[in-house]
Structures are given as structure tokens and as C-alpha cells.
Amino acid sequence: MEAIKFEEYLEVCYEDIKPYLLKELHDLRNRLIALPENSGDEKVMMLFEEVVKKINEIDQNKSIESRIDTEEREGLCDVLYALGNIVGLDAQTEYIDNWRTW
């Protein structure tokens, strides 16, 4: 999980929104790593839901000029599903789409 380089997933990203997105991805990774071994899927899903909702807020933040467009959206989904795969979530369920507005 620590080997995932978030910057590679957001290679094409507006510079003003990128730091906010990277912060949320790093926070999610740290929270996933800190979870006890016996944490169930429900707890893991809750962490993903929280980060996706935070990313929704970033996208709507009027103090940031840029928004999440196609390139950012694809990169975010790819990296979130990559993290989810590592912790045993099934990307085929498209769980990220349950919460995202971008």
C-alpha cells in the first residue's frame, strides 16, 4: 500500500486542486494502515466513504478555482480502487460511485 505513488495517478491535474486531493489520499492510506487486522469491510468502507465525501467538498470549494474534471476523476477512481483492492474490496461493485459527485 505504501508503494502506491498518488502523484502518478494524478499526473494530469490542476495544480491548485492537486495538493488537496493528495492530502486526502495520503490521509486515507494512513488510516487504512492504522486499522486493526480484524477490521471488517464495513469499517473499511466507512473510511472510503469519508474520503470520497471530502473530495466532493474539495470539488465544490469556491476558494479553489479548478474543479475535478475527466483526468482527475479517472485518476482518483483508479487510485481509490487500487487502495480498495489492497484491503480486499471488490472494485466490480463500483462502491466509489455510491458517494461521489464528481
N, C-alpha and C. Protein backbone atom coordinates (compact mmCIF):
# COMPACT_ATOMS: atom_id res chain seq x y z
N MET A 1 0.82 -1.19 0.00
CA MET A 1 0.00 0.00 0.00
C MET A 1 0.87 1.26 0.00
N GLU A 2 1.96 1.20 0.74
CA GLU A 2 2.83 2.37 0.79
C GLU A 2 3.56 2.60 -0.52
N ALA A 3 3.61 1.59 -1.37
CA ALA A 3 4.30 1.71 -2.65
C ALA A 3 3.49 2.51 -3.68
N ILE A 4 2.21 2.69 -3.43
CA ILE A 4 1.38 3.43 -4.39
C ILE A 4 1.81 4.89 -4.39
N LYS A 5 2.11 5.38 -5.58
CA LYS A 5 2.53 6.77 -5.76
C LYS A 5 1.33 7.56 -6.29
N PHE A 6 0.69 8.29 -5.39
CA PHE A 6 -0.53 9.02 -5.74
C PHE A 6 -0.29 10.02 -6.87
N GLU A 7 0.87 10.61 -6.88
CA GLU A 7 1.19 11.62 -7.91
C GLU A 7 1.10 11.02 -9.31
N GLU A 8 1.42 9.75 -9.44
CA GLU A 8 1.34 9.11 -10.76
C GLU A 8 -0.10 8.98 -11.24
N TYR A 9 -1.01 8.80 -10.32
CA TYR A 9 -2.43 8.71 -10.68
C TYR A 9 -3.01 10.09 -11.01
N LEU A 10 -2.41 11.12 -10.44
CA LEU A 10 -2.87 12.49 -10.69
C LEU A 10 -1.85 13.27 -11.51
N GLU A 11 -1.22 12.56 -12.43
CA GLU A 11 -0.20 13.18 -13.27
C GLU A 11 -0.74 14.39 -14.03
N VAL A 12 -1.97 14.24 -14.55
CA VAL A 12 -2.64 15.35 -15.22
C VAL A 12 -3.69 15.87 -14.24
N CYS A 13 -3.35 16.97 -13.57
CA CYS A 13 -4.23 17.51 -12.54
C CYS A 13 -3.96 19.00 -12.41
N TYR A 14 -5.01 19.77 -12.19
CA TYR A 14 -4.84 21.20 -11.97
C TYR A 14 -3.99 21.41 -10.72
N GLU A 15 -3.01 22.29 -10.83
CA GLU A 15 -2.05 22.50 -9.74
C GLU A 15 -2.69 23.07 -8.48
N ASP A 16 -3.77 23.84 -8.61
CA ASP A 16 -4.35 24.43 -7.40
C ASP A 16 -5.20 23.44 -6.60
N ILE A 17 -5.71 22.40 -7.23
CA ILE A 17 -6.54 21.43 -6.52
C ILE A 17 -5.74 20.19 -6.11
N LYS A 18 -4.65 19.96 -6.78
CA LYS A 18 -3.84 18.75 -6.56
C LYS A 18 -3.41 18.55 -5.10
N PRO A 19 -2.90 19.58 -4.40
CA PRO A 19 -2.47 19.35 -3.01
C PRO A 19 -3.61 18.89 -2.10
N TYR A 20 -4.79 19.38 -2.34
CA TYR A 20 -5.94 18.99 -1.53
C TYR A 20 -6.29 17.51 -1.76
N LEU A 21 -6.26 17.11 -3.02
CA LEU A 21 -6.58 15.72 -3.36
C LEU A 21 -5.52 14.78 -2.82
N LEU A 22 -4.26 15.15 -2.97
CA LEU A 22 -3.17 14.31 -2.45
C LEU A 22 -3.25 14.17 -0.94
N LYS A 23 -3.60 15.23 -0.24
CA LYS A 23 -3.73 15.16 1.21
C LYS A 23 -4.78 14.13 1.60
N GLU A 24 -5.92 14.14 0.94
CA GLU A 24 -6.98 13.18 1.28
C GLU A 24 -6.54 11.75 0.98
N LEU A 25 -5.84 11.55 -0.11
CA LEU A 25 -5.36 10.21 -0.44
C LEU A 25 -4.34 9.72 0.58
N HIS A 26 -3.42 10.59 0.98
CA HIS A 26 -2.43 10.22 2.00
C HIS A 26 -3.12 9.92 3.33
N ASP A 27 -4.10 10.75 3.68
CA ASP A 27 -4.82 10.52 4.94
C ASP A 27 -5.55 9.17 4.90
N LEU A 28 -6.18 8.85 3.78
CA LEU A 28 -6.88 7.57 3.66
C LEU A 28 -5.89 6.42 3.83
N ARG A 29 -4.76 6.49 3.13
CA ARG A 29 -3.77 5.42 3.23
C ARG A 29 -3.32 5.25 4.68
N ASN A 30 -3.03 6.35 5.36
CA ASN A 30 -2.59 6.27 6.75
C ASN A 30 -3.66 5.66 7.65
N ARG A 31 -4.90 6.02 7.41
CA ARG A 31 -6.00 5.47 8.22
C ARG A 31 -6.20 3.98 7.93
N LEU A 32 -6.04 3.58 6.67
CA LEU A 32 -6.16 2.16 6.34
C LEU A 32 -5.04 1.35 6.99
N ILE A 33 -3.83 1.88 6.95
CA ILE A 33 -2.69 1.20 7.56
C ILE A 33 -2.89 1.06 9.07
N ALA A 34 -3.50 2.07 9.68
CA ALA A 34 -3.68 2.07 11.13
C ALA A 34 -4.82 1.16 11.60
N LEU A 35 -5.65 0.70 10.69
CA LEU A 35 -6.76 -0.17 11.08
C LEU A 35 -6.26 -1.47 11.69
N PRO A 36 -6.93 -1.94 12.72
CA PRO A 36 -6.56 -3.27 13.26
C PRO A 36 -6.81 -4.35 12.21
N GLU A 37 -6.05 -5.42 12.27
CA GLU A 37 -6.14 -6.53 11.31
C GLU A 37 -7.56 -7.09 11.17
N ASN A 38 -8.30 -7.12 12.26
CA ASN A 38 -9.62 -7.73 12.25
C ASN A 38 -10.74 -6.76 11.88
N SER A 39 -10.40 -5.60 11.33
CA SER A 39 -11.44 -4.65 10.92
C SER A 39 -12.25 -5.22 9.77
N GLY A 40 -13.54 -5.10 9.88
CA GLY A 40 -14.41 -5.64 8.84
C GLY A 40 -14.55 -4.70 7.66
N ASP A 41 -15.19 -5.21 6.61
CA ASP A 41 -15.42 -4.41 5.40
C ASP A 41 -16.22 -3.15 5.69
N GLU A 42 -17.11 -3.21 6.67
CA GLU A 42 -17.94 -2.05 6.99
C GLU A 42 -17.07 -0.87 7.44
N LYS A 43 -16.10 -1.13 8.29
CA LYS A 43 -15.20 -0.08 8.77
C LYS A 43 -14.35 0.46 7.62
N VAL A 44 -13.86 -0.43 6.79
CA VAL A 44 -13.04 -0.03 5.64
C VAL A 44 -13.87 0.82 4.69
N MET A 45 -15.10 0.38 4.42
CA MET A 45 -15.98 1.14 3.51
C MET A 45 -16.29 2.52 4.08
N MET A 46 -16.43 2.60 5.39
CA MET A 46 -16.70 3.89 6.02
C MET A 46 -15.55 4.87 5.75
N LEU A 47 -14.31 4.39 5.79
CA LEU A 47 -13.16 5.25 5.50
C LEU A 47 -13.19 5.74 4.06
N PHE A 48 -13.53 4.85 3.13
CA PHE A 48 -13.61 5.25 1.72
C PHE A 48 -14.75 6.26 1.52
N GLU A 49 -15.88 6.02 2.16
CA GLU A 49 -17.00 6.96 2.05
C GLU A 49 -16.59 8.34 2.56
N GLU A 50 -15.92 8.38 3.70
CA GLU A 50 -15.49 9.66 4.26
C GLU A 50 -14.56 10.41 3.32
N VAL A 51 -13.59 9.71 2.73
CA VAL A 51 -12.65 10.40 1.85
C VAL A 51 -13.33 10.87 0.57
N VAL A 52 -14.23 10.07 0.02
CA VAL A 52 -14.93 10.48 -1.20
C VAL A 52 -15.79 11.71 -0.92
N LYS A 53 -16.42 11.75 0.23
CA LYS A 53 -17.24 12.92 0.58
C LYS A 53 -16.37 14.15 0.80
N LYS A 54 -15.16 13.96 1.35
CA LYS A 54 -14.23 15.08 1.50
C LYS A 54 -13.78 15.57 0.13
N ILE A 55 -13.56 14.65 -0.78
CA ILE A 55 -13.18 15.05 -2.15
C ILE A 55 -14.34 15.78 -2.82
N ASN A 56 -15.56 15.37 -2.56
CA ASN A 56 -16.73 16.10 -3.05
C ASN A 56 -16.68 17.55 -2.58
N GLU A 57 -16.37 17.74 -1.30
CA GLU A 57 -16.28 19.10 -0.74
C GLU A 57 -15.17 19.90 -1.41
N ILE A 58 -14.06 19.27 -1.66
CA ILE A 58 -12.96 19.95 -2.35
C ILE A 58 -13.42 20.41 -3.72
N ASP A 59 -14.12 19.54 -4.43
CA ASP A 59 -14.60 19.88 -5.77
C ASP A 59 -15.56 21.06 -5.76
N GLN A 60 -16.28 21.23 -4.67
CA GLN A 60 -17.27 22.31 -4.56
C GLN A 60 -16.72 23.56 -3.87
N ASN A 61 -15.49 23.49 -3.41
CA ASN A 61 -14.88 24.59 -2.67
C ASN A 61 -14.68 25.80 -3.59
N LYS A 62 -15.37 26.86 -3.30
CA LYS A 62 -15.32 28.07 -4.15
C LYS A 62 -13.98 28.80 -4.06
N SER A 63 -13.18 28.52 -3.03
CA SER A 63 -11.88 29.18 -2.92
C SER A 63 -10.82 28.52 -3.80
N ILE A 64 -11.16 27.38 -4.37
CA ILE A 64 -10.26 26.70 -5.32
C ILE A 64 -10.85 26.91 -6.71
N GLU A 65 -10.07 27.49 -7.59
CA GLU A 65 -10.58 27.83 -8.92
C GLU A 65 -10.93 26.58 -9.75
N SER A 66 -10.07 25.59 -9.70
CA SER A 66 -10.26 24.40 -10.54
C SER A 66 -11.25 23.42 -9.93
N ARG A 67 -11.78 22.56 -10.78
CA ARG A 67 -12.70 21.50 -10.37
C ARG A 67 -12.12 20.17 -10.80
N ILE A 68 -12.74 19.10 -10.35
CA ILE A 68 -12.33 17.77 -10.75
C ILE A 68 -12.94 17.49 -12.11
N ASP A 69 -12.09 17.40 -13.12
CA ASP A 69 -12.52 17.12 -14.48
C ASP A 69 -12.20 15.67 -14.82
N THR A 70 -12.33 15.32 -16.08
CA THR A 70 -12.19 13.93 -16.53
C THR A 70 -10.88 13.28 -16.09
N GLU A 71 -9.77 13.94 -16.33
CA GLU A 71 -8.46 13.35 -15.99
C GLU A 71 -8.33 13.11 -14.49
N GLU A 72 -8.73 14.10 -13.70
CA GLU A 72 -8.65 13.95 -12.25
C GLU A 72 -9.61 12.85 -11.77
N ARG A 73 -10.81 12.85 -12.33
CA ARG A 73 -11.82 11.86 -11.96
C ARG A 73 -11.32 10.44 -12.22
N GLU A 74 -10.75 10.21 -13.39
CA GLU A 74 -10.23 8.88 -13.73
C GLU A 74 -9.08 8.49 -12.81
N GLY A 75 -8.18 9.42 -12.56
CA GLY A 75 -7.05 9.13 -11.68
C GLY A 75 -7.49 8.84 -10.26
N LEU A 76 -8.43 9.63 -9.75
CA LEU A 76 -8.94 9.42 -8.40
C LEU A 76 -9.62 8.06 -8.28
N CYS A 77 -10.48 7.75 -9.22
CA CYS A 77 -11.16 6.45 -9.17
C CYS A 77 -10.15 5.31 -9.25
N ASP A 78 -9.18 5.42 -10.15
CA ASP A 78 -8.17 4.36 -10.29
C ASP A 78 -7.40 4.14 -8.99
N VAL A 79 -6.97 5.22 -8.36
CA VAL A 79 -6.17 5.07 -7.14
C VAL A 79 -7.03 4.62 -5.97
N LEU A 80 -8.25 5.10 -5.88
CA LEU A 80 -9.12 4.66 -4.79
C LEU A 80 -9.45 3.17 -4.92
N TYR A 81 -9.73 2.73 -6.14
CA TYR A 81 -9.99 1.30 -6.33
C TYR A 81 -8.73 0.47 -6.12
N ALA A 82 -7.56 1.01 -6.45
CA ALA A 82 -6.30 0.30 -6.19
C ALA A 82 -6.10 0.11 -4.69
N LEU A 83 -6.36 1.15 -3.91
CA LEU A 83 -6.27 1.04 -2.46
C LEU A 83 -7.30 0.05 -1.93
N GLY A 84 -8.51 0.15 -2.45
CA GLY A 84 -9.58 -0.76 -2.03
C GLY A 84 -9.23 -2.21 -2.32
N ASN A 85 -8.64 -2.45 -3.47
CA ASN A 85 -8.24 -3.80 -3.84
C ASN A 85 -7.24 -4.38 -2.84
N ILE A 86 -6.31 -3.55 -2.42
CA ILE A 86 -5.30 -3.99 -1.47
C ILE A 86 -5.93 -4.43 -0.15
N VAL A 87 -7.00 -3.75 0.26
CA VAL A 87 -7.64 -4.08 1.54
C VAL A 87 -8.82 -5.03 1.36
N GLY A 88 -8.97 -5.57 0.15
CA GLY A 88 -9.95 -6.63 -0.07
C GLY A 88 -11.32 -6.21 -0.55
N LEU A 89 -11.48 -4.97 -1.00
CA LEU A 89 -12.77 -4.53 -1.53
C LEU A 89 -12.86 -4.89 -3.00
N ASP A 90 -14.05 -5.15 -3.47
CA ASP A 90 -14.29 -5.55 -4.85
C ASP A 90 -14.63 -4.33 -5.71
N ALA A 91 -13.73 -3.95 -6.60
CA ALA A 91 -13.94 -2.79 -7.46
C ALA A 91 -15.14 -2.99 -8.39
N GLN A 92 -15.49 -4.23 -8.66
CA GLN A 92 -16.62 -4.50 -9.56
C GLN A 92 -17.94 -3.95 -9.00
N THR A 93 -17.98 -3.73 -7.68
CA THR A 93 -19.19 -3.16 -7.08
C THR A 93 -19.28 -1.66 -7.29
N GLU A 94 -18.21 -1.06 -7.80
CA GLU A 94 -18.15 0.37 -8.09
C GLU A 94 -18.60 1.21 -6.90
N TYR A 95 -18.14 0.82 -5.72
CA TYR A 95 -18.56 1.47 -4.48
C TYR A 95 -18.24 2.97 -4.44
N ILE A 96 -17.21 3.42 -5.09
CA ILE A 96 -16.86 4.85 -5.10
C ILE A 96 -18.00 5.68 -5.69
N ASP A 97 -18.65 5.12 -6.71
CA ASP A 97 -19.75 5.84 -7.36
C ASP A 97 -20.94 6.06 -6.44
N ASN A 98 -21.03 5.31 -5.34
CA ASN A 98 -22.14 5.48 -4.41
C ASN A 98 -22.11 6.83 -3.72
N TRP A 99 -20.93 7.45 -3.63
CA TRP A 99 -20.79 8.69 -2.85
C TRP A 99 -20.28 9.87 -3.64
N ARG A 100 -19.68 9.65 -4.78
CA ARG A 100 -19.02 10.77 -5.45
C ARG A 100 -20.00 11.61 -6.26
N THR A 101 -19.71 12.92 -6.31
CA THR A 101 -20.49 13.84 -7.13
C THR A 101 -19.67 14.40 -8.28
N TRP A 102 -18.41 14.01 -8.38
CA TRP A 102 -17.52 14.48 -9.43
C TRP A 102 -17.42 13.47 -10.52
